[in-house]
N, C-alpha and C. Protein backbone atom coordinates (compact mmCIF):
# COMPACT_ATOMS: atom_id res chain seq x y z
N MET A 1 0.83 -1.19 0.00
CA MET A 1 0.00 0.00 0.00
C MET A 1 0.87 1.25 0.00
N THR A 2 0.42 2.24 -0.71
CA THR A 2 1.16 3.50 -0.72
C THR A 2 0.63 4.39 0.39
N GLU A 3 1.55 5.10 0.97
CA GLU A 3 1.19 6.01 2.05
C GLU A 3 0.69 7.33 1.47
N PRO A 4 -0.39 7.89 2.00
CA PRO A 4 -0.87 9.17 1.45
C PRO A 4 0.16 10.27 1.67
N SER A 5 0.33 11.10 0.65
CA SER A 5 1.31 12.18 0.77
C SER A 5 0.76 13.27 1.68
N THR A 6 1.63 13.81 2.50
CA THR A 6 1.21 14.87 3.43
C THR A 6 1.34 16.20 2.70
N PRO A 7 0.38 17.08 2.89
CA PRO A 7 0.48 18.40 2.25
C PRO A 7 1.64 19.19 2.83
N PRO A 8 2.26 20.06 2.03
CA PRO A 8 3.39 20.83 2.55
C PRO A 8 2.93 21.79 3.65
N GLN A 9 3.85 22.06 4.56
CA GLN A 9 3.57 22.99 5.65
C GLN A 9 3.43 24.40 5.10
N VAL A 10 2.33 25.05 5.36
CA VAL A 10 2.09 26.41 4.88
C VAL A 10 2.57 27.39 5.96
N LEU A 11 3.54 28.20 5.61
CA LEU A 11 4.11 29.17 6.55
C LEU A 11 3.37 30.51 6.53
N PHE A 12 2.80 30.83 5.37
CA PHE A 12 2.07 32.10 5.21
C PHE A 12 1.02 31.89 4.14
N TYR A 13 -0.18 32.44 4.38
CA TYR A 13 -1.26 32.31 3.40
C TYR A 13 -2.18 33.52 3.47
N GLU A 14 -2.52 34.04 2.31
CA GLU A 14 -3.57 35.06 2.17
C GLU A 14 -4.50 34.60 1.07
N GLN A 15 -5.79 34.65 1.31
CA GLN A 15 -6.75 34.10 0.36
C GLN A 15 -7.08 35.02 -0.80
N GLY A 16 -6.77 36.28 -0.73
CA GLY A 16 -7.04 37.17 -1.85
C GLY A 16 -8.29 38.00 -1.66
N ALA A 17 -9.43 37.37 -1.40
CA ALA A 17 -10.70 38.09 -1.17
C ALA A 17 -11.62 37.19 -0.38
N SER A 18 -12.59 37.79 0.24
CA SER A 18 -13.53 37.06 1.09
C SER A 18 -14.87 36.89 0.38
N TRP A 19 -15.46 35.72 0.57
CA TRP A 19 -16.78 35.46 0.00
C TRP A 19 -17.86 36.30 0.69
N TRP A 20 -17.55 36.90 1.83
CA TRP A 20 -18.52 37.74 2.54
C TRP A 20 -19.02 38.89 1.67
N TRP A 21 -18.22 39.31 0.69
CA TRP A 21 -18.64 40.40 -0.20
C TRP A 21 -19.93 40.07 -0.94
N LEU A 22 -20.22 38.79 -1.12
CA LEU A 22 -21.42 38.40 -1.85
C LEU A 22 -22.71 38.80 -1.10
N LEU A 23 -22.59 39.10 0.19
CA LEU A 23 -23.76 39.55 0.94
C LEU A 23 -24.25 40.91 0.47
N ALA A 24 -23.46 41.62 -0.31
CA ALA A 24 -23.90 42.91 -0.86
C ALA A 24 -25.04 42.71 -1.86
N GLY A 25 -25.13 41.54 -2.49
CA GLY A 25 -26.22 41.26 -3.43
C GLY A 25 -27.57 41.25 -2.74
N PRO A 26 -27.75 40.44 -1.69
CA PRO A 26 -29.01 40.48 -0.95
C PRO A 26 -29.28 41.86 -0.33
N ALA A 27 -28.21 42.54 0.10
CA ALA A 27 -28.40 43.88 0.67
C ALA A 27 -28.91 44.85 -0.39
N ALA A 28 -28.40 44.75 -1.62
CA ALA A 28 -28.87 45.62 -2.70
C ALA A 28 -30.32 45.33 -3.03
N GLY A 29 -30.69 44.05 -3.07
CA GLY A 29 -32.08 43.69 -3.32
C GLY A 29 -33.00 44.19 -2.23
N ALA A 30 -32.58 44.04 -0.96
CA ALA A 30 -33.39 44.52 0.16
C ALA A 30 -33.51 46.03 0.14
N ALA A 31 -32.43 46.73 -0.23
CA ALA A 31 -32.47 48.20 -0.31
C ALA A 31 -33.47 48.64 -1.37
N MET A 32 -33.47 47.97 -2.51
CA MET A 32 -34.43 48.33 -3.55
C MET A 32 -35.86 48.06 -3.11
N ALA A 33 -36.08 46.97 -2.40
CA ALA A 33 -37.42 46.67 -1.89
C ALA A 33 -37.87 47.73 -0.89
N LEU A 34 -36.95 48.17 -0.04
CA LEU A 34 -37.28 49.22 0.94
C LEU A 34 -37.55 50.55 0.26
N ILE A 35 -36.82 50.85 -0.80
CA ILE A 35 -37.06 52.09 -1.55
C ILE A 35 -38.45 52.05 -2.17
N GLN A 36 -38.80 50.92 -2.76
CA GLN A 36 -40.14 50.79 -3.35
C GLN A 36 -41.22 50.93 -2.27
N LEU A 37 -41.00 50.30 -1.13
CA LEU A 37 -41.96 50.34 -0.04
C LEU A 37 -42.12 51.76 0.49
N SER A 38 -41.01 52.47 0.67
CA SER A 38 -41.07 53.84 1.21
C SER A 38 -41.68 54.82 0.20
N ALA A 39 -41.63 54.49 -1.08
CA ALA A 39 -42.22 55.36 -2.10
C ALA A 39 -43.72 55.12 -2.24
N GLY A 40 -44.23 54.11 -1.55
CA GLY A 40 -45.65 53.85 -1.57
C GLY A 40 -46.13 52.99 -2.72
N TYR A 41 -45.22 52.34 -3.44
CA TYR A 41 -45.60 51.50 -4.56
C TYR A 41 -45.86 50.06 -4.15
N GLY A 42 -45.49 49.71 -2.95
CA GLY A 42 -45.51 48.30 -2.56
C GLY A 42 -44.27 47.64 -3.14
N ILE A 43 -44.08 46.39 -2.81
CA ILE A 43 -42.88 45.70 -3.31
C ILE A 43 -43.23 44.95 -4.59
N GLN A 44 -42.53 45.31 -5.66
CA GLN A 44 -42.62 44.59 -6.92
C GLN A 44 -41.31 43.82 -7.04
N TRP A 45 -41.36 42.51 -6.95
CA TRP A 45 -40.18 41.68 -6.76
C TRP A 45 -39.22 41.66 -7.95
N LEU A 46 -39.63 42.14 -9.11
CA LEU A 46 -38.75 42.09 -10.28
C LEU A 46 -37.50 42.95 -10.08
N VAL A 47 -37.68 44.21 -9.68
CA VAL A 47 -36.52 45.11 -9.55
C VAL A 47 -35.58 44.66 -8.42
N PRO A 48 -36.08 44.37 -7.20
CA PRO A 48 -35.15 43.86 -6.18
C PRO A 48 -34.47 42.56 -6.61
N GLY A 49 -35.21 41.71 -7.33
CA GLY A 49 -34.62 40.46 -7.80
C GLY A 49 -33.51 40.69 -8.81
N ILE A 50 -33.72 41.65 -9.71
CA ILE A 50 -32.67 41.98 -10.69
C ILE A 50 -31.43 42.53 -9.99
N PHE A 51 -31.62 43.43 -9.01
CA PHE A 51 -30.48 43.96 -8.27
C PHE A 51 -29.75 42.85 -7.53
N PHE A 52 -30.51 41.96 -6.91
CA PHE A 52 -29.90 40.83 -6.19
C PHE A 52 -29.04 39.99 -7.12
N VAL A 53 -29.58 39.62 -8.27
CA VAL A 53 -28.86 38.75 -9.21
C VAL A 53 -27.65 39.47 -9.81
N LEU A 54 -27.83 40.70 -10.26
CA LEU A 54 -26.72 41.42 -10.90
C LEU A 54 -25.58 41.70 -9.93
N VAL A 55 -25.90 42.24 -8.77
CA VAL A 55 -24.84 42.57 -7.81
C VAL A 55 -24.13 41.31 -7.34
N THR A 56 -24.89 40.28 -7.01
CA THR A 56 -24.27 39.03 -6.56
C THR A 56 -23.42 38.42 -7.68
N GLY A 57 -23.91 38.43 -8.90
CA GLY A 57 -23.16 37.86 -10.02
C GLY A 57 -21.85 38.58 -10.29
N PHE A 58 -21.92 39.91 -10.36
CA PHE A 58 -20.69 40.67 -10.59
C PHE A 58 -19.70 40.49 -9.45
N LEU A 59 -20.18 40.51 -8.22
CA LEU A 59 -19.26 40.33 -7.09
C LEU A 59 -18.69 38.92 -7.05
N TRP A 60 -19.47 37.91 -7.46
CA TRP A 60 -18.95 36.55 -7.50
C TRP A 60 -17.76 36.48 -8.45
N ILE A 61 -17.90 37.11 -9.62
CA ILE A 61 -16.80 37.12 -10.59
C ILE A 61 -15.57 37.81 -10.00
N GLN A 62 -15.78 38.97 -9.36
CA GLN A 62 -14.66 39.71 -8.77
C GLN A 62 -13.96 38.93 -7.67
N VAL A 63 -14.73 38.33 -6.77
CA VAL A 63 -14.15 37.58 -5.65
C VAL A 63 -13.41 36.35 -6.17
N LYS A 64 -14.01 35.65 -7.11
CA LYS A 64 -13.36 34.46 -7.67
C LYS A 64 -12.02 34.84 -8.32
N ALA A 65 -12.01 35.93 -9.09
CA ALA A 65 -10.77 36.38 -9.73
C ALA A 65 -9.73 36.79 -8.68
N ALA A 66 -10.17 37.49 -7.64
CA ALA A 66 -9.23 37.92 -6.60
C ALA A 66 -8.67 36.72 -5.85
N ARG A 67 -9.49 35.71 -5.61
CA ARG A 67 -9.00 34.52 -4.91
C ARG A 67 -7.99 33.74 -5.76
N ILE A 68 -8.07 33.88 -7.06
CA ILE A 68 -7.10 33.22 -7.93
C ILE A 68 -5.85 34.07 -8.09
N HIS A 69 -6.02 35.34 -8.41
CA HIS A 69 -4.90 36.17 -8.84
C HIS A 69 -4.21 36.95 -7.72
N THR A 70 -4.82 37.10 -6.57
CA THR A 70 -4.16 37.87 -5.49
C THR A 70 -3.97 37.04 -4.23
N SER A 71 -4.02 35.72 -4.35
CA SER A 71 -3.75 34.89 -3.18
C SER A 71 -2.24 34.65 -3.09
N VAL A 72 -1.78 34.40 -1.86
CA VAL A 72 -0.35 34.21 -1.59
C VAL A 72 -0.21 32.96 -0.73
N GLU A 73 0.77 32.13 -1.07
CA GLU A 73 1.07 30.95 -0.25
C GLU A 73 2.57 30.76 -0.19
N LEU A 74 3.08 30.60 1.02
CA LEU A 74 4.50 30.35 1.22
C LEU A 74 4.66 29.04 1.97
N THR A 75 5.44 28.14 1.40
CA THR A 75 5.80 26.88 2.05
C THR A 75 7.33 26.85 2.12
N PRO A 76 7.91 25.89 2.82
CA PRO A 76 9.38 25.81 2.85
C PRO A 76 10.02 25.61 1.48
N ASP A 77 9.24 25.16 0.49
CA ASP A 77 9.78 24.87 -0.83
C ASP A 77 9.49 25.92 -1.89
N HIS A 78 8.35 26.62 -1.77
CA HIS A 78 7.98 27.55 -2.85
C HIS A 78 7.18 28.74 -2.32
N LEU A 79 7.15 29.78 -3.15
CA LEU A 79 6.32 30.96 -2.92
C LEU A 79 5.38 31.04 -4.11
N ARG A 80 4.07 31.06 -3.82
CA ARG A 80 3.08 31.20 -4.89
C ARG A 80 2.40 32.54 -4.73
N GLN A 81 2.42 33.34 -5.80
CA GLN A 81 1.76 34.64 -5.86
C GLN A 81 0.78 34.56 -7.01
N GLY A 82 -0.49 34.49 -6.71
CA GLY A 82 -1.48 34.30 -7.76
C GLY A 82 -1.26 32.95 -8.40
N GLU A 83 -1.05 32.94 -9.71
CA GLU A 83 -0.82 31.69 -10.44
C GLU A 83 0.66 31.39 -10.64
N GLU A 84 1.55 32.31 -10.24
CA GLU A 84 2.99 32.08 -10.44
C GLU A 84 3.60 31.46 -9.20
N ARG A 85 4.43 30.45 -9.43
CA ARG A 85 5.08 29.74 -8.34
C ARG A 85 6.59 29.78 -8.58
N ILE A 86 7.33 30.24 -7.56
CA ILE A 86 8.79 30.21 -7.68
C ILE A 86 9.36 29.39 -6.52
N SER A 87 10.46 28.77 -6.78
CA SER A 87 11.13 27.97 -5.77
C SER A 87 11.86 28.89 -4.79
N ILE A 88 11.87 28.52 -3.53
CA ILE A 88 12.62 29.29 -2.53
C ILE A 88 14.11 29.27 -2.86
N ASP A 89 14.57 28.19 -3.51
CA ASP A 89 15.98 28.11 -3.91
C ASP A 89 16.35 29.17 -4.93
N ASP A 90 15.38 29.74 -5.66
CA ASP A 90 15.65 30.79 -6.64
C ASP A 90 15.82 32.16 -5.99
N ILE A 91 15.45 32.29 -4.72
CA ILE A 91 15.57 33.58 -4.02
C ILE A 91 16.94 33.66 -3.37
N VAL A 92 17.70 34.68 -3.76
CA VAL A 92 19.06 34.85 -3.24
C VAL A 92 19.08 35.82 -2.07
N ARG A 93 18.23 36.84 -2.12
CA ARG A 93 18.27 37.89 -1.10
C ARG A 93 16.91 38.57 -1.00
N ILE A 94 16.59 39.04 0.21
CA ILE A 94 15.41 39.87 0.44
C ILE A 94 15.93 41.29 0.69
N TYR A 95 15.52 42.22 -0.14
CA TYR A 95 15.97 43.60 0.04
C TYR A 95 15.28 44.24 1.24
N PRO A 96 15.97 45.16 1.94
CA PRO A 96 15.32 45.83 3.07
C PRO A 96 14.21 46.77 2.61
N GLU A 97 13.31 47.10 3.52
CA GLU A 97 12.23 48.03 3.21
C GLU A 97 12.82 49.39 2.84
N PRO A 98 12.21 50.07 1.88
CA PRO A 98 12.73 51.40 1.51
C PRO A 98 12.48 52.40 2.64
N THR A 99 13.44 53.27 2.82
CA THR A 99 13.30 54.33 3.83
C THR A 99 13.51 55.67 3.14
N GLY A 100 12.78 56.66 3.60
CA GLY A 100 12.92 57.99 3.02
C GLY A 100 12.15 58.14 1.73
N PRO A 101 12.29 59.30 1.10
CA PRO A 101 11.51 59.59 -0.10
C PRO A 101 12.05 58.92 -1.37
N ASP A 102 13.28 58.44 -1.33
CA ASP A 102 13.88 57.84 -2.54
C ASP A 102 13.23 56.49 -2.84
N VAL A 103 13.06 56.22 -4.13
CA VAL A 103 12.50 54.95 -4.58
C VAL A 103 13.65 53.96 -4.72
N ALA A 104 13.52 52.81 -4.06
CA ALA A 104 14.55 51.78 -4.16
C ALA A 104 14.51 51.16 -5.56
N LYS A 105 15.67 50.69 -6.02
CA LYS A 105 15.77 50.12 -7.36
C LYS A 105 14.84 48.92 -7.54
N TRP A 106 14.70 48.11 -6.49
CA TRP A 106 13.87 46.91 -6.61
C TRP A 106 12.39 47.23 -6.80
N GLN A 107 11.96 48.45 -6.45
CA GLN A 107 10.55 48.81 -6.58
C GLN A 107 10.11 48.94 -8.04
N SER A 108 11.07 49.00 -8.96
CA SER A 108 10.71 49.03 -10.38
C SER A 108 10.78 47.64 -11.02
N SER A 109 11.11 46.63 -10.21
CA SER A 109 11.13 45.25 -10.71
C SER A 109 9.71 44.76 -10.94
N ARG A 110 9.59 43.73 -11.74
CA ARG A 110 8.27 43.19 -12.03
C ARG A 110 7.68 42.54 -10.78
N ALA A 111 6.38 42.61 -10.65
CA ALA A 111 5.68 41.96 -9.55
C ALA A 111 5.44 40.50 -9.90
N LEU A 112 5.60 39.63 -8.94
CA LEU A 112 5.32 38.21 -9.17
C LEU A 112 3.82 38.02 -9.39
N GLY A 113 3.47 36.98 -10.09
CA GLY A 113 2.08 36.73 -10.43
C GLY A 113 1.85 37.20 -11.85
N GLU A 114 0.65 37.01 -12.34
CA GLU A 114 0.36 37.37 -13.72
C GLU A 114 -0.22 38.77 -13.85
N LEU A 115 -0.24 39.54 -12.77
CA LEU A 115 -0.75 40.91 -12.81
C LEU A 115 0.36 41.85 -13.27
N THR A 116 -0.01 43.05 -13.70
CA THR A 116 0.99 43.99 -14.23
C THR A 116 1.75 44.71 -13.13
N GLY A 117 1.28 44.67 -11.92
CA GLY A 117 1.97 45.33 -10.82
C GLY A 117 1.52 44.75 -9.50
N VAL A 118 1.98 45.36 -8.43
CA VAL A 118 1.58 44.94 -7.09
C VAL A 118 0.10 45.27 -6.93
N PRO A 119 -0.72 44.29 -6.56
CA PRO A 119 -2.16 44.56 -6.43
C PRO A 119 -2.45 45.64 -5.38
N ARG A 120 -3.54 46.36 -5.58
CA ARG A 120 -3.93 47.42 -4.66
C ARG A 120 -4.17 46.83 -3.27
N GLY A 121 -3.74 47.54 -2.26
CA GLY A 121 -3.91 47.09 -0.89
C GLY A 121 -2.77 46.20 -0.42
N ARG A 122 -1.84 45.90 -1.29
CA ARG A 122 -0.70 45.08 -0.91
C ARG A 122 0.57 45.93 -1.00
N LYS A 123 1.62 45.45 -0.35
CA LYS A 123 2.89 46.17 -0.38
C LYS A 123 3.97 45.22 -0.90
N GLY A 124 4.85 45.76 -1.75
CA GLY A 124 5.89 44.96 -2.37
C GLY A 124 7.05 44.66 -1.45
N ILE A 125 7.69 43.53 -1.70
CA ILE A 125 8.90 43.10 -0.98
C ILE A 125 9.93 42.78 -2.05
N GLY A 126 11.06 43.46 -2.01
CA GLY A 126 12.09 43.27 -3.03
C GLY A 126 12.82 41.94 -2.90
N LEU A 127 12.94 41.23 -4.01
CA LEU A 127 13.65 39.95 -4.04
C LEU A 127 14.75 40.00 -5.08
N LYS A 128 15.91 39.48 -4.72
CA LYS A 128 16.96 39.25 -5.71
C LYS A 128 16.91 37.76 -6.00
N LEU A 129 16.72 37.43 -7.28
CA LEU A 129 16.61 36.04 -7.70
C LEU A 129 17.90 35.58 -8.36
N THR A 130 18.00 34.30 -8.63
CA THR A 130 19.17 33.76 -9.30
C THR A 130 19.32 34.39 -10.68
N ASN A 131 20.49 34.29 -11.25
CA ASN A 131 20.81 34.87 -12.57
C ASN A 131 20.64 36.38 -12.58
N ASP A 132 20.85 37.01 -11.43
CA ASP A 132 20.81 38.47 -11.29
C ASP A 132 19.48 39.07 -11.73
N ARG A 133 18.39 38.37 -11.45
CA ARG A 133 17.05 38.87 -11.74
C ARG A 133 16.47 39.50 -10.48
N GLY A 134 15.53 40.40 -10.67
CA GLY A 134 14.84 41.02 -9.55
C GLY A 134 13.34 40.83 -9.69
N ALA A 135 12.65 40.87 -8.59
CA ALA A 135 11.19 40.75 -8.61
C ALA A 135 10.64 41.32 -7.31
N GLN A 136 9.32 41.50 -7.29
CA GLN A 136 8.64 41.95 -6.08
C GLN A 136 7.62 40.90 -5.66
N ALA A 137 7.78 40.41 -4.45
CA ALA A 137 6.71 39.63 -3.83
C ALA A 137 5.78 40.66 -3.22
N TRP A 138 4.57 40.28 -2.84
CA TRP A 138 3.63 41.24 -2.29
C TRP A 138 2.63 40.53 -1.39
N ALA A 139 2.09 41.28 -0.44
CA ALA A 139 1.06 40.74 0.45
C ALA A 139 0.43 41.89 1.22
N ARG A 140 -0.76 41.64 1.75
CA ARG A 140 -1.39 42.61 2.65
C ARG A 140 -0.60 42.66 3.95
N LYS A 141 -0.32 41.49 4.50
CA LYS A 141 0.48 41.39 5.74
C LYS A 141 1.94 41.21 5.34
N HIS A 142 2.47 42.24 4.69
CA HIS A 142 3.81 42.15 4.10
C HIS A 142 4.91 41.94 5.13
N GLN A 143 4.74 42.47 6.34
CA GLN A 143 5.79 42.30 7.37
C GLN A 143 5.94 40.82 7.73
N ARG A 144 4.81 40.14 7.87
CA ARG A 144 4.87 38.72 8.22
C ARG A 144 5.45 37.90 7.07
N LEU A 145 5.08 38.20 5.83
CA LEU A 145 5.65 37.51 4.69
C LEU A 145 7.15 37.78 4.59
N ARG A 146 7.55 39.03 4.80
CA ARG A 146 8.98 39.38 4.76
C ARG A 146 9.76 38.59 5.81
N THR A 147 9.20 38.51 7.02
CA THR A 147 9.87 37.78 8.10
C THR A 147 10.05 36.31 7.74
N GLU A 148 9.01 35.68 7.24
CA GLU A 148 9.09 34.26 6.87
C GLU A 148 10.04 34.03 5.70
N LEU A 149 9.97 34.90 4.68
CA LEU A 149 10.88 34.77 3.54
C LEU A 149 12.33 34.94 3.98
N THR A 150 12.58 35.95 4.81
CA THR A 150 13.94 36.20 5.28
C THR A 150 14.47 35.00 6.05
N ARG A 151 13.64 34.45 6.91
CA ARG A 151 14.06 33.28 7.69
C ARG A 151 14.40 32.11 6.77
N LEU A 152 13.57 31.86 5.77
CA LEU A 152 13.83 30.75 4.85
C LEU A 152 15.11 30.95 4.04
N VAL A 153 15.31 32.18 3.56
CA VAL A 153 16.51 32.46 2.75
C VAL A 153 17.76 32.41 3.62
N GLU A 154 17.69 32.94 4.83
CA GLU A 154 18.87 32.93 5.70
C GLU A 154 19.22 31.54 6.21
N GLU A 155 18.25 30.64 6.28
CA GLU A 155 18.56 29.25 6.63
C GLU A 155 19.42 28.61 5.56
N ARG A 156 19.21 29.04 4.32
CA ARG A 156 19.93 28.47 3.19
C ARG A 156 21.19 29.27 2.87
N ILE A 157 21.09 30.58 2.92
CA ILE A 157 22.21 31.46 2.58
C ILE A 157 22.41 32.42 3.75
N PRO A 158 23.62 32.47 4.34
CA PRO A 158 23.82 33.42 5.44
C PRO A 158 23.68 34.86 4.94
N PRO A 159 23.23 35.79 5.82
CA PRO A 159 23.04 37.18 5.38
C PRO A 159 24.36 37.81 4.96
N GLU A 160 24.27 38.78 4.02
CA GLU A 160 25.46 39.50 3.57
C GLU A 160 25.96 40.40 4.70
N PRO A 161 27.30 40.50 4.86
CA PRO A 161 27.81 41.42 5.90
C PRO A 161 27.49 42.85 5.53
N SER A 162 27.11 43.64 6.53
CA SER A 162 26.80 45.05 6.27
C SER A 162 28.06 45.83 6.06
N ALA A 163 28.02 46.76 5.12
CA ALA A 163 29.22 47.53 4.75
C ALA A 163 29.34 48.76 5.59
């Protein structure tokens, strides 16, 4: 008999978006029903029903896309940002957070994932990758992701001496 494989240990995870947003659909339908009621027309279920279906449908699409494209997962072996997965072995260094008004060079590097930049509400973390490549990891809880990434990289590669 083969032994079932154990899932990798997840050190950091962000889901991207919450399904709770879908409650705005019923709220929009209820608001339309209350508007009709307060206007003295009585409740005609077609308009609240349309608002319920449209708002819930559009939000379902948005939440589903956010859960795919803005989720983050870090395990001891890989970092997944949206649909892109990179090996921890490809990360050579974690750049320090930028200080002051100057823009750090790593902030112009491409963001990991299939998006064109760091998603709104997230903050970038500079990475130096193998073959002298640069990239930005990102997360809402960026400090925690930075701490975990730094720990993983320093376990493999000792930190550079400060000049």
